[in-house]
Amino acid sequence: MIKKNCWEVKNCHRELGGIRAVEFGACKAACETKLNGLHGGINGGRVCWAVAGTLCGGEVQGDYAKKIEKCSDCGFYKQVREDEGKDYLLVMKIFEKLK
């Protein structure tokens, strides 16, 4: 199974080199190299809910505490949780990678 990143699913085009990234800048999830490979994604592309300042919905989102309620309703978030099953990383493990 090919694991898609948030920008591929959401079609925001804010990934590094994406057509909207040139105009508006790349999303923090696409740039967060410390999270590369988690859940099989590129940079923070499959753990975007843990990355502060993402650009989901065309607006800059806050930190995890401010955005997790919205993220937990997101179809992409739910899909990652389902895809990963028992291998889903809890947010504290993800935050350890950001240190």
Protein backbone atom coordinates (compact mmCIF):
# COMPACT_ATOMS: atom_id res chain seq x y z
CA MET A 1 0.00 0.00 0.00
CA ILE A 2 1.28 3.45 -0.92
CA LYS A 3 0.91 5.81 2.01
CA LYS A 4 -0.08 9.29 0.96
CA ASN A 5 0.92 12.46 2.77
CA CYS A 6 -1.61 15.05 3.93
CA TRP A 7 -0.88 17.40 1.02
CA GLU A 8 -1.55 14.61 -1.46
CA VAL A 9 -4.89 13.72 0.14
CA LYS A 10 -6.00 17.30 0.77
CA ASN A 11 -4.68 18.56 -2.60
CA CYS A 12 -3.44 21.78 -1.02
CA HIS A 13 -0.27 21.87 -3.17
CA ARG A 14 1.70 23.36 -0.24
CA GLU A 15 4.35 20.62 -0.25
CA LEU A 16 7.96 21.55 -1.00
CA GLY A 17 7.99 22.56 -4.67
CA GLY A 18 4.19 22.50 -4.89
CA ILE A 19 2.42 25.04 -7.07
CA ARG A 20 0.87 26.87 -4.11
CA ALA A 21 4.08 26.66 -2.05
CA VAL A 22 5.81 28.92 -4.54
CA GLU A 23 3.20 31.62 -4.01
CA PHE A 24 2.27 31.13 -0.33
CA GLY A 25 5.15 29.11 1.13
CA ALA A 26 5.41 25.45 1.99
CA CYS A 27 3.39 23.99 4.86
CA LYS A 28 5.24 23.27 8.11
CA ALA A 29 4.23 19.59 7.85
CA ALA A 30 6.01 19.33 4.50
CA CYS A 31 9.14 20.98 5.93
CA GLU A 32 9.51 19.18 9.28
CA THR A 33 12.42 16.85 8.52
CA LYS A 34 12.69 15.51 12.10
CA LEU A 35 9.47 13.57 11.45
CA ASN A 36 10.55 12.08 8.13
CA GLY A 37 9.41 8.49 7.77
CA LEU A 38 6.89 8.45 10.63
CA HIS A 39 3.87 6.40 9.59
CA GLY A 40 5.58 6.03 6.21
CA GLY A 41 5.33 9.71 5.30
CA ILE A 42 7.61 12.36 3.93
CA ASN A 43 8.71 14.78 6.68
CA GLY A 44 5.56 15.54 8.75
CA GLY A 45 3.17 14.48 6.00
CA ARG A 46 1.57 11.63 7.97
CA VAL A 47 1.72 13.23 11.42
CA CYS A 48 0.56 16.74 10.49
CA TRP A 49 -1.66 17.04 13.59
CA ALA A 50 1.49 17.11 15.73
CA VAL A 51 3.16 19.90 13.73
CA ALA A 52 2.49 23.46 14.91
CA GLY A 53 1.65 26.04 12.29
CA THR A 54 0.37 23.79 9.52
CA LEU A 55 -1.71 25.41 6.79
CA CYS A 56 -4.72 23.11 6.75
CA GLY A 57 -7.90 24.61 5.37
CA GLY A 58 -6.00 27.57 3.94
CA GLU A 59 -5.34 28.99 7.41
CA VAL A 60 -2.37 28.70 9.74
CA GLN A 61 -3.28 26.31 12.52
CA GLY A 62 -1.95 26.58 16.07
CA ASP A 63 -0.08 24.08 18.16
CA TYR A 64 -1.29 20.57 18.94
CA ALA A 65 -3.42 21.60 21.93
CA LYS A 66 -5.25 24.20 19.86
CA LYS A 67 -5.85 22.09 16.77
CA ILE A 68 -6.27 18.46 17.86
CA GLU A 69 -10.05 18.73 18.24
CA LYS A 70 -10.34 19.86 14.62
CA CYS A 71 -7.73 17.35 13.47
CA SER A 72 -9.46 14.44 15.18
CA ASP A 73 -12.48 15.09 12.92
CA CYS A 74 -10.29 15.13 9.80
CA GLY A 75 -10.69 12.23 7.38
CA PHE A 76 -6.94 12.12 6.77
CA TYR A 77 -6.18 11.80 10.49
CA LYS A 78 -8.74 9.01 10.79
CA GLN A 79 -7.28 7.24 7.75
CA VAL A 80 -3.74 7.34 9.18
CA ARG A 81 -4.99 5.90 12.48
CA GLU A 82 -6.75 3.11 10.60
CA ASP A 83 -3.79 2.45 8.28
CA GLU A 84 -1.32 2.25 11.17
CA GLY A 85 -3.48 0.22 13.55
CA LYS A 86 -1.37 -1.04 16.43
CA ASP A 87 1.67 0.79 15.01
CA TYR A 88 0.02 4.21 15.32
CA LEU A 89 2.38 6.52 17.21
CA LEU A 90 0.96 8.40 20.16
CA VAL A 91 1.61 12.12 20.01
CA MET A 92 4.14 12.03 22.87
CA LYS A 93 6.33 9.70 20.78
CA ILE A 94 6.03 12.11 17.86
CA PHE A 95 6.94 15.07 20.09
CA GLU A 96 10.07 13.22 21.24
CA LYS A 97 11.27 13.30 17.62
CA LEU A 98 10.78 17.08 17.51
CA LYS A 99 13.17 17.74 20.41
